[in-house]
């Protein structure tokens, strides 16, 4: 039987996690399990998670073996994020912090970089949630959402170790690297380009990415996609789309609504099977 969850205790744990996030203080927790993405812990009545890229160093050469070795151990951790939707708490190993810090608590290597600056470096390591980039005298981390305007299944779909990348500095690091970087901010937003070329009423050729119960997810250009609701597909065979169409098929759609600033796109389609 699952343990009873007390709303008051959960709210108190969220407040305690928020205080730790603000102060940067460490907390010692026992590792209760693992999954593909990292290690699992408990923070009061909240679930906790340590991503692979935030794990402490291990003598085990293999990541999976190293993670198994940590199960049951107690680790000193820092809060780096609170997911209010679940709710849950994301941690980093405290042993990853503090190296090379100046008296002001700022990593000395980062003093040469300022927010907004464009830097160039080599991709050193790829994680499930982003990539580590080696800069001259510092390291930077690009989170998965900051890598590309298009949707990525995994960061390895975007780059590979050893590739040279340009990125923009968006802030100090949070334990895994000296700096937080964004690759998206140094390349053009495809929505802005698409909005300059197209308008509502245009017919555009797209590629089916998914067939959902709600309709078709269609990519028009890399980074720009929209949903064609089933009620906006004008064919008597709309309920048999899965048998008639497939992922990767090309379809012509009409732009019903387009708002590049909000990255909003509503599509309609008239289609008759051959």
C-alpha atoms as a PDB file:
ATOM      1  CA  UNK A   1       0.000   0.000   0.000  1.00  0.00           C
ATOM      2  CA  UNK A   2       1.336   3.458  -0.956  1.00  0.00           C
ATOM      3  CA  UNK A   3       2.124   5.719   2.026  1.00  0.00           C
ATOM      4  CA  UNK A   4      -0.464   8.345   2.822  1.00  0.00           C
ATOM      5  CA  UNK A   5       0.482  11.787   1.548  1.00  0.00           C
ATOM      6  CA  UNK A   6      -0.223  14.694   3.881  1.00  0.00           C
ATOM      7  CA  UNK A   7      -0.759  17.973   1.960  1.00  0.00           C
ATOM      8  CA  UNK A   8       0.538  20.028   4.895  1.00  0.00           C
ATOM      9  CA  UNK A   9       3.766  18.026   5.083  1.00  0.00           C
ATOM     10  CA  UNK A  10       4.226  18.196   1.323  1.00  0.00           C
ATOM     11  CA  UNK A  11       3.821  21.985   1.331  1.00  0.00           C
ATOM     12  CA  UNK A  12       6.335  22.193   4.172  1.00  0.00           C
ATOM     13  CA  UNK A  13       8.796  20.101   2.147  1.00  0.00           C
ATOM     14  CA  UNK A  14       8.325  22.359  -0.877  1.00  0.00           C
ATOM     15  CA  UNK A  15       9.025  25.418   1.313  1.00  0.00           C
ATOM     16  CA  UNK A  16      12.120  23.723   2.752  1.00  0.00           C
ATOM     17  CA  UNK A  17      13.363  22.861  -0.744  1.00  0.00           C
ATOM     18  CA  UNK A  18      12.786  26.462  -1.867  1.00  0.00           C
ATOM     19  CA  UNK A  19      14.825  27.708   1.085  1.00  0.00           C
ATOM     20  CA  UNK A  20      17.685  25.356   0.189  1.00  0.00           C
ATOM     21  CA  UNK A  21      17.523  26.484  -3.441  1.00  0.00           C
ATOM     22  CA  UNK A  22      17.781  30.118  -2.373  1.00  0.00           C
ATOM     23  CA  UNK A  23      20.546  29.628   0.192  1.00  0.00           C
ATOM     24  CA  UNK A  24      22.592  27.055  -1.709  1.00  0.00           C
ATOM     25  CA  UNK A  25      23.017  24.988   1.456  1.00  0.00           C
ATOM     26  CA  UNK A  26      23.547  21.240   1.220  1.00  0.00           C
ATOM     27  CA  UNK A  27      21.314  18.448   2.467  1.00  0.00           C
ATOM     28  CA  UNK A  28      22.285  14.802   3.018  1.00  0.00           C
ATOM     29  CA  UNK A  29      19.903  12.228   1.516  1.00  0.00           C
ATOM     30  CA  UNK A  30      19.945   8.491   0.924  1.00  0.00           C
ATOM     31  CA  UNK A  31      19.891   7.183  -2.647  1.00  0.00           C
ATOM     32  CA  UNK A  32      16.822   4.948  -2.892  1.00  0.00           C
ATOM     33  CA  UNK A  33      17.062   3.768  -6.483  1.00  0.00           C
ATOM     34  CA  UNK A  34      18.092   4.536 -10.030  1.00  0.00           C
ATOM     35  CA  UNK A  35      16.754   4.793 -13.544  1.00  0.00           C
ATOM     36  CA  UNK A  36      18.163   5.488 -16.975  1.00  0.00           C
ATOM     37  CA  UNK A  37      18.407   9.212 -16.322  1.00  0.00           C
ATOM     38  CA  UNK A  38      20.019   9.253 -12.881  1.00  0.00           C
ATOM     39  CA  UNK A  39      19.553   8.447  -9.180  1.00  0.00           C
ATOM     40  CA  UNK A  40      16.400   8.606  -7.054  1.00  0.00           C
ATOM     41  CA  UNK A  41      16.143  10.048  -3.530  1.00  0.00           C
ATOM     42  CA  UNK A  42      13.390  11.040  -1.099  1.00  0.00           C
ATOM     43  CA  UNK A  43      13.055  14.554   0.289  1.00  0.00           C
ATOM     44  CA  UNK A  44      10.450  14.199   3.004  1.00  0.00           C
ATOM     45  CA  UNK A  45       7.242  13.325   1.157  1.00  0.00           C
ATOM     46  CA  UNK A  46       8.626  14.582  -2.162  1.00  0.00           C
ATOM     47  CA  UNK A  47      10.416  12.503  -4.764  1.00  0.00           C
ATOM     48  CA  UNK A  48      13.906  13.639  -5.635  1.00  0.00           C
ATOM     49  CA  UNK A  49      16.157  13.091  -8.643  1.00  0.00           C
ATOM     50  CA  UNK A  50      19.868  13.482  -9.423  1.00  0.00           C
ATOM     51  CA  UNK A  51      20.441  13.573 -13.225  1.00  0.00           C
ATOM     52  CA  UNK A  52      23.351  11.585 -14.645  1.00  0.00           C
ATOM     53  CA  UNK A  53      25.175  14.824 -15.421  1.00  0.00           C
ATOM     54  CA  UNK A  54      24.958  15.834 -11.724  1.00  0.00           C
ATOM     55  CA  UNK A  55      26.272  12.623 -10.173  1.00  0.00           C
ATOM     56  CA  UNK A  56      29.403  12.590  -8.003  1.00  0.00           C
ATOM     57  CA  UNK A  57      32.548  11.027  -9.430  1.00  0.00           C
ATOM     58  CA  UNK A  58      32.816   7.267  -9.079  1.00  0.00           C
ATOM     59  CA  UNK A  59      35.667   4.769  -9.220  1.00  0.00           C
ATOM     60  CA  UNK A  60      33.537   2.614 -11.487  1.00  0.00           C
ATOM     61  CA  UNK A  61      34.463   3.118 -15.174  1.00  0.00           C
ATOM     62  CA  UNK A  62      30.930   2.294 -16.315  1.00  0.00           C
ATOM     63  CA  UNK A  63      28.099   4.759 -15.592  1.00  0.00           C
ATOM     64  CA  UNK A  64      25.519   2.044 -14.908  1.00  0.00           C
ATOM     65  CA  UNK A  65      27.822   0.253 -12.483  1.00  0.00           C
ATOM     66  CA  UNK A  66      28.685   3.519 -10.772  1.00  0.00           C
ATOM     67  CA  UNK A  67      25.008   4.330 -10.283  1.00  0.00           C
ATOM     68  CA  UNK A  68      24.323   0.911  -8.766  1.00  0.00           C
ATOM     69  CA  UNK A  69      27.180   1.468  -6.328  1.00  0.00           C
ATOM     70  CA  UNK A  70      25.545   4.657  -5.047  1.00  0.00           C
ATOM     71  CA  UNK A  71      22.198   3.012  -4.174  1.00  0.00           C
ATOM     72  CA  UNK A  72      21.870   2.949  -0.384  1.00  0.00           C
ATOM     73  CA  UNK A  73      24.591   5.572   0.116  1.00  0.00           C
ATOM     74  CA  UNK A  74      24.002   8.996   1.612  1.00  0.00           C
ATOM     75  CA  UNK A  75      25.081  11.949  -0.526  1.00  0.00           C
ATOM     76  CA  UNK A  76      25.539  15.635   0.169  1.00  0.00           C
ATOM     77  CA  UNK A  77      23.297  17.407  -2.347  1.00  0.00           C
ATOM     78  CA  UNK A  78      22.230  20.893  -3.422  1.00  0.00           C
ATOM     79  CA  UNK A  79      18.801  21.805  -4.792  1.00  0.00           C
ATOM     80  CA  UNK A  80      18.984  23.134  -8.355  1.00  0.00           C
ATOM     81  CA  UNK A  81      15.323  23.003  -9.407  1.00  0.00           C
ATOM     82  CA  UNK A  82      11.842  22.389  -8.009  1.00  0.00           C
ATOM     83  CA  UNK A  83       9.243  20.868 -10.312  1.00  0.00           C
ATOM     84  CA  UNK A  84       5.954  22.226  -8.924  1.00  0.00           C
ATOM     85  CA  UNK A  85       3.833  20.103 -11.249  1.00  0.00           C
ATOM     86  CA  UNK A  86       4.623  16.733  -9.612  1.00  0.00           C
ATOM     87  CA  UNK A  87       6.001  18.119  -7.209  1.00  0.00           C
ATOM     88  CA  UNK A  88       9.604  16.874  -7.077  1.00  0.00           C
ATOM     89  CA  UNK A  89      13.075  18.230  -6.368  1.00  0.00           C
ATOM     90  CA  UNK A  90      16.120  18.082  -8.678  1.00  0.00           C
ATOM     91  CA  UNK A  91      19.529  17.871  -6.995  1.00  0.00           C
ATOM     92  CA  UNK A  92      23.211  18.081  -7.871  1.00  0.00           C
ATOM     93  CA  UNK A  93      26.047  16.453  -5.959  1.00  0.00           C
ATOM     94  CA  UNK A  94      27.668  19.042  -3.673  1.00  0.00           C
ATOM     95  CA  UNK A  95      31.061  17.589  -4.591  1.00  0.00           C
ATOM     96  CA  UNK A  96      30.651  19.122  -8.067  1.00  0.00           C
ATOM     97  CA  UNK A  97      30.512  22.645  -6.606  1.00  0.00           C
ATOM     98  CA  UNK A  98      33.202  24.970  -5.409  1.00  0.00           C
ATOM     99  CA  UNK A  99      36.222  24.048  -7.522  1.00  0.00           C
ATOM    100  CA  UNK A 100      38.237  27.071  -8.512  1.00  0.00           C
ATOM    101  CA  UNK A 101      36.044  29.618  -6.737  1.00  0.00           C
ATOM    102  CA  UNK A 102      37.117  33.144  -6.052  1.00  0.00           C
ATOM    103  CA  UNK A 103      36.641  34.763  -2.599  1.00  0.00           C
ATOM    104  CA  UNK A 104      33.346  36.162  -3.829  1.00  0.00           C
ATOM    105  CA  UNK A 105      32.052  32.656  -4.516  1.00  0.00           C
ATOM    106  CA  UNK A 106      32.204  33.102  -8.291  1.00  0.00           C
ATOM    107  CA  UNK A 107      34.268  30.626 -10.292  1.00  0.00           C
ATOM    108  CA  UNK A 108      37.431  32.445 -11.337  1.00  0.00           C
ATOM    109  CA  UNK A 109      37.220  31.119 -14.906  1.00  0.00           C
ATOM    110  CA  UNK A 110      33.819  32.703 -15.460  1.00  0.00           C
ATOM    111  CA  UNK A 111      35.058  36.210 -14.713  1.00  0.00           C
ATOM    112  CA  UNK A 112      36.383  36.403 -18.285  1.00  0.00           C
ATOM    113  CA  UNK A 113      32.874  35.859 -19.681  1.00  0.00           C
ATOM    114  CA  UNK A 114      29.820  38.096 -19.448  1.00  0.00           C
ATOM    115  CA  UNK A 115      26.107  37.395 -20.090  1.00  0.00           C
ATOM    116  CA  UNK A 116      25.231  37.942 -23.740  1.00  0.00           C
ATOM    117  CA  UNK A 117      28.721  37.191 -24.993  1.00  0.00           C
ATOM    118  CA  UNK A 118      29.038  34.723 -27.872  1.00  0.00           C
ATOM    119  CA  UNK A 119      31.638  32.029 -27.184  1.00  0.00           C
ATOM    120  CA  UNK A 120      32.985  29.051 -29.109  1.00  0.00           C
ATOM    121  CA  UNK A 121      33.995  25.678 -27.730  1.00  0.00           C
ATOM    122  CA  UNK A 122      34.231  21.942 -28.300  1.00  0.00           C
ATOM    123  CA  UNK A 123      31.495  19.509 -27.302  1.00  0.00           C
ATOM    124  CA  UNK A 124      33.084  17.416 -24.552  1.00  0.00           C
ATOM    125  CA  UNK A 125      30.224  15.237 -23.300  1.00  0.00           C
ATOM    126  CA  UNK A 126      26.574  14.551 -24.177  1.00  0.00           C
ATOM    127  CA  UNK A 127      23.939  13.830 -21.515  1.00  0.00           C
ATOM    128  CA  UNK A 128      20.225  13.062 -21.693  1.00  0.00           C
ATOM    129  CA  UNK A 129      19.368  16.650 -20.708  1.00  0.00           C
ATOM    130  CA  UNK A 130      22.054  18.635 -22.522  1.00  0.00           C
ATOM    131  CA  UNK A 131      25.714  18.895 -23.529  1.00  0.00           C
ATOM    132  CA  UNK A 132      28.948  19.973 -21.848  1.00  0.00           C
ATOM    133  CA  UNK A 133      31.125  22.356 -23.872  1.00  0.00           C
ATOM    134  CA  UNK A 134      34.836  22.972 -23.273  1.00  0.00           C
ATOM    135  CA  UNK A 135      35.671  26.673 -23.597  1.00  0.00           C
ATOM    136  CA  UNK A 136      39.040  28.392 -23.250  1.00  0.00           C
ATOM    137  CA  UNK A 137      39.553  28.405 -19.487  1.00  0.00           C
ATOM    138  CA  UNK A 138      35.997  27.356 -18.542  1.00  0.00           C
ATOM    139  CA  UNK A 139      33.191  24.903 -19.213  1.00  0.00           C
ATOM    140  CA  UNK A 140      29.643  25.583 -20.356  1.00  0.00           C
ATOM    141  CA  UNK A 141      26.442  23.568 -20.282  1.00  0.00           C
ATOM    142  CA  UNK A 142      23.736  23.843 -22.936  1.00  0.00           C
ATOM    143  CA  UNK A 143      20.434  22.379 -21.727  1.00  0.00           C
ATOM    144  CA  UNK A 144      18.425  20.358 -24.240  1.00  0.00           C
ATOM    145  CA  UNK A 145      15.719  23.078 -24.721  1.00  0.00           C
ATOM    146  CA  UNK A 146      18.477  25.632 -25.477  1.00  0.00           C
ATOM    147  CA  UNK A 147      20.175  23.554 -28.162  1.00  0.00           C
ATOM    148  CA  UNK A 148      17.878  23.973 -31.158  1.00  0.00           C
ATOM    149  CA  UNK A 149      14.611  25.541 -32.239  1.00  0.00           C
ATOM    150  CA  UNK A 150      13.453  22.182 -33.518  1.00  0.00           C
ATOM    151  CA  UNK A 151      12.328  19.385 -31.212  1.00  0.00           C
ATOM    152  CA  UNK A 152      15.062  16.897 -30.290  1.00  0.00           C
ATOM    153  CA  UNK A 153      14.568  13.309 -29.171  1.00  0.00           C
ATOM    154  CA  UNK A 154      18.037  13.423 -27.583  1.00  0.00           C
ATOM    155  CA  UNK A 155      20.921  15.946 -27.624  1.00  0.00           C
ATOM    156  CA  UNK A 156      22.974  13.411 -29.607  1.00  0.00           C
ATOM    157  CA  UNK A 157      20.552  14.054 -32.492  1.00  0.00           C
ATOM    158  CA  UNK A 158      21.956  17.583 -32.653  1.00  0.00           C
ATOM    159  CA  UNK A 159      25.706  17.223 -32.124  1.00  0.00           C
ATOM    160  CA  UNK A 160      28.542  14.835 -31.271  1.00  0.00           C
ATOM    161  CA  UNK A 161      31.667  15.001 -29.069  1.00  0.00           C
ATOM    162  CA  UNK A 162      34.465  17.010 -30.651  1.00  0.00           C
ATOM    163  CA  UNK A 163      32.204  19.304 -32.691  1.00  0.00           C
ATOM    164  CA  UNK A 164      32.913  23.053 -32.519  1.00  0.00           C
ATOM    165  CA  UNK A 165      29.856  25.090 -31.501  1.00  0.00           C
ATOM    166  CA  UNK A 166      29.072  28.750 -30.962  1.00  0.00           C
ATOM    167  CA  UNK A 167      26.714  29.691 -28.127  1.00  0.00           C
ATOM    168  CA  UNK A 168      25.653  32.678 -26.066  1.00  0.00           C
ATOM    169  CA  UNK A 169      26.397  33.013 -22.340  1.00  0.00           C
ATOM    170  CA  UNK A 170      23.079  33.251 -20.457  1.00  0.00           C
ATOM    171  CA  UNK A 171      24.299  32.977 -16.867  1.00  0.00           C
ATOM    172  CA  UNK A 172      26.580  31.314 -14.327  1.00  0.00           C
ATOM    173  CA  UNK A 173      26.650  27.541 -14.010  1.00  0.00           C
ATOM    174  CA  UNK A 174      24.708  25.552 -11.441  1.00  0.00           C
ATOM    175  CA  UNK A 175      27.183  22.850 -10.466  1.00  0.00           C
ATOM    176  CA  UNK A 176      27.916  20.842 -13.591  1.00  0.00           C
ATOM    177  CA  UNK A 177      29.711  23.628 -15.478  1.00  0.00           C
ATOM    178  CA  UNK A 178      31.011  27.168 -15.009  1.00  0.00           C
ATOM    179  CA  UNK A 179      28.488  28.767 -17.375  1.00  0.00           C
ATOM    180  CA  UNK A 180      25.002  28.234 -18.776  1.00  0.00           C
ATOM    181  CA  UNK A 181      24.927  28.629 -22.556  1.00  0.00           C
ATOM    182  CA  UNK A 182      22.321  28.797 -25.298  1.00  0.00           C
ATOM    183  CA  UNK A 183      22.925  27.640 -28.840  1.00  0.00           C
ATOM    184  CA  UNK A 184      19.459  28.782 -29.953  1.00  0.00           C
ATOM    185  CA  UNK A 185      20.316  32.422 -29.266  1.00  0.00           C
ATOM    186  CA  UNK A 186      23.058  32.545 -31.916  1.00  0.00           C
ATOM    187  CA  UNK A 187      20.958  31.118 -34.774  1.00  0.00           C
ATOM    188  CA  UNK A 188      17.900  32.566 -36.455  1.00  0.00           C
ATOM    189  CA  UNK A 189      14.487  31.720 -35.037  1.00  0.00           C
ATOM    190  CA  UNK A 190      12.768  29.686 -37.794  1.00  0.00           C
ATOM    191  CA  UNK A 191       9.378  31.028 -36.686  1.00  0.00           C
ATOM    192  CA  UNK A 192      10.465  34.598 -37.447  1.00  0.00           C
ATOM    193  CA  UNK A 193      11.797  33.581 -40.869  1.00  0.00           C
ATOM    194  CA  UNK A 194       8.665  31.561 -41.624  1.00  0.00           C
ATOM    195  CA  UNK A 195       6.466  34.503 -40.561  1.00  0.00           C
ATOM    196  CA  UNK A 196       8.235  36.860 -42.972  1.00  0.00           C
ATOM    197  CA  UNK A 197       7.617  34.500 -45.878  1.00  0.00           C
ATOM    198  CA  UNK A 198       4.149  33.123 -45.126  1.00  0.00           C
ATOM    199  CA  UNK A 199       0.770  34.404 -43.981  1.00  0.00           C
ATOM    200  CA  UNK A 200      -2.674  33.027 -43.121  1.00  0.00           C
ATOM    201  CA  UNK A 201      -4.296  31.520 -46.222  1.00  0.00           C
ATOM    202  CA  UNK A 202      -1.071  30.206 -47.778  1.00  0.00           C
ATOM    203  CA  UNK A 203      -0.835  26.614 -48.954  1.00  0.00           C
ATOM    204  CA  UNK A 204       2.340  24.899 -47.703  1.00  0.00           C
ATOM    205  CA  UNK A 205       3.800  21.439 -48.193  1.00  0.00           C
ATOM    206  CA  UNK A 206       4.517  19.678 -44.901  1.00  0.00           C
ATOM    207  CA  UNK A 207       5.674  16.356 -43.485  1.00  0.00           C
ATOM    208  CA  UNK A 208       3.621  14.270 -41.046  1.00  0.00           C
ATOM    209  CA  UNK A 209       5.500  13.815 -37.771  1.00  0.00           C
ATOM    210  CA  UNK A 210       2.778  12.077 -35.747  1.00  0.00           C
ATOM    211  CA  UNK A 211      -0.749  10.784 -36.195  1.00  0.00           C
ATOM    212  CA  UNK A 212      -2.642  11.510 -32.985  1.00  0.00           C
ATOM    213  CA  UNK A 213      -6.174  10.949 -31.786  1.00  0.00           C
ATOM    214  CA  UNK A 214      -6.606  14.731 -32.092  1.00  0.00           C
ATOM    215  CA  UNK A 215      -5.217  14.990 -35.609  1.00  0.00           C
ATOM    216  CA  UNK A 216      -1.943  15.280 -37.534  1.00  0.00           C
ATOM    217  CA  UNK A 217       1.248  16.890 -36.279  1.00  0.00           C
ATOM    218  CA  UNK A 218       2.874  18.398 -39.377  1.00  0.00           C
ATOM    219  CA  UNK A 219       6.341  19.933 -39.817  1.00  0.00           C
ATOM    220  CA  UNK A 220       6.431  22.715 -42.388  1.00  0.00           C
ATOM    221  CA  UNK A 221      10.137  23.590 -42.068  1.00  0.00           C
ATOM    222  CA  UNK A 222      12.702  22.483 -39.452  1.00  0.00           C
ATOM    223  CA  UNK A 223      11.663  24.103 -36.171  1.00  0.00           C
ATOM    224  CA  UNK A 224       8.131  25.022 -37.288  1.00  0.00           C
ATOM    225  CA  UNK A 225       5.298  22.551 -36.836  1.00  0.00           C
ATOM    226  CA  UNK A 226       1.574  22.680 -36.226  1.00  0.00           C
ATOM    227  CA  UNK A 227      -1.407  20.452 -35.537  1.00  0.00           C
ATOM    228  CA  UNK A 228      -4.171  19.792 -38.033  1.00  0.00           C
ATOM    229  CA  UNK A 229      -7.203  19.000 -35.871  1.00  0.00           C
ATOM    230  CA  UNK A 230      -9.356  16.135 -37.145  1.00  0.00           C
ATOM    231  CA  UNK A 231     -12.289  18.514 -37.543  1.00  0.00           C
ATOM    232  CA  UNK A 232     -10.087  20.592 -39.868  1.00  0.00           C
ATOM    233  CA  UNK A 233      -9.368  17.646 -42.188  1.00  0.00           C
ATOM    234  CA  UNK A 234     -11.944  17.741 -44.957  1.00  0.00           C
ATOM    235  CA  UNK A 235     -12.329  14.129 -46.020  1.00  0.00           C
ATOM    236  CA  UNK A 236     -15.027  11.521 -45.322  1.00  0.00           C
ATOM    237  CA  UNK A 237     -12.262   9.099 -44.310  1.00  0.00           C
ATOM    238  CA  UNK A 238     -10.972  11.206 -41.428  1.00  0.00           C
ATOM    239  CA  UNK A 239     -11.532   8.382 -38.924  1.00  0.00           C
ATOM    240  CA  UNK A 240      -9.265   6.073 -40.924  1.00  0.00           C
ATOM    241  CA  UNK A 241      -6.232   8.373 -41.092  1.00  0.00           C
ATOM    242  CA  UNK A 242      -3.931   5.766 -39.528  1.00  0.00           C
ATOM    243  CA  UNK A 243      -4.738   3.358 -42.371  1.00  0.00           C
ATOM    244  CA  UNK A 244      -4.482   5.959 -45.130  1.00  0.00           C
ATOM    245  CA  UNK A 245      -1.544   8.128 -44.060  1.00  0.00           C
ATOM    246  CA  UNK A 246       1.777   7.440 -42.350  1.00  0.00           C
ATOM    247  CA  UNK A 247       4.587   9.252 -40.573  1.00  0.00           C
ATOM    248  CA  UNK A 248       6.868  10.838 -43.151  1.00  0.00           C
ATOM    249  CA  UNK A 249       4.133  11.345 -45.751  1.00  0.00           C
ATOM    250  CA  UNK A 250       3.994  14.711 -47.506  1.00  0.00           C
ATOM    251  CA  UNK A 251       0.717  16.643 -47.253  1.00  0.00           C
ATOM    252  CA  UNK A 252      -0.422  20.059 -48.438  1.00  0.00           C
ATOM    253  CA  UNK A 253      -1.970  22.181 -45.691  1.00  0.00           C
ATOM    254  CA  UNK A 254      -3.484  25.649 -45.517  1.00  0.00           C
ATOM    255  CA  UNK A 255      -2.353  28.080 -42.812  1.00  0.00           C
ATOM    256  CA  UNK A 256      -5.494  29.081 -40.890  1.00  0.00           C
ATOM    257  CA  UNK A 257      -3.731  31.105 -38.157  1.00  0.00           C
ATOM    258  CA  UNK A 258      -0.104  32.196 -37.780  1.00  0.00           C
ATOM    259  CA  UNK A 259       1.498  34.085 -34.880  1.00  0.00           C
ATOM    260  CA  UNK A 260       5.314  33.841 -35.095  1.00  0.00           C
ATOM    261  CA  UNK A 261       5.846  35.743 -31.818  1.00  0.00           C
ATOM    262  CA  UNK A 262       3.810  33.180 -29.877  1.00  0.00           C
ATOM    263  CA  UNK A 263       5.030  30.333 -32.120  1.00  0.00           C
ATOM    264  CA  UNK A 264       1.396  29.482 -32.805  1.00  0.00           C
ATOM    265  CA  UNK A 265       0.243  27.796 -35.981  1.00  0.00           C
ATOM    266  CA  UNK A 266      -3.199  26.424 -36.853  1.00  0.00           C
ATOM    267  CA  UNK A 267      -3.498  24.337 -39.976  1.00  0.00           C
ATOM    268  CA  UNK A 268      -6.320  22.971 -42.126  1.00  0.00           C
ATOM    269  CA  UNK A 269      -6.205  20.329 -44.795  1.00  0.00           C
ATOM    270  CA  UNK A 270      -8.337  19.242 -47.695  1.00  0.00           C
ATOM    271  CA  UNK A 271      -7.288  15.802 -48.765  1.00  0.00           C
ATOM    272  CA  UNK A 272      -8.746  13.097 -50.935  1.00  0.00           C
ATOM    273  CA  UNK A 273      -7.139   9.630 -51.034  1.00  0.00           C
ATOM    274  CA  UNK A 274      -5.748   8.464 -54.368  1.00  0.00           C
END
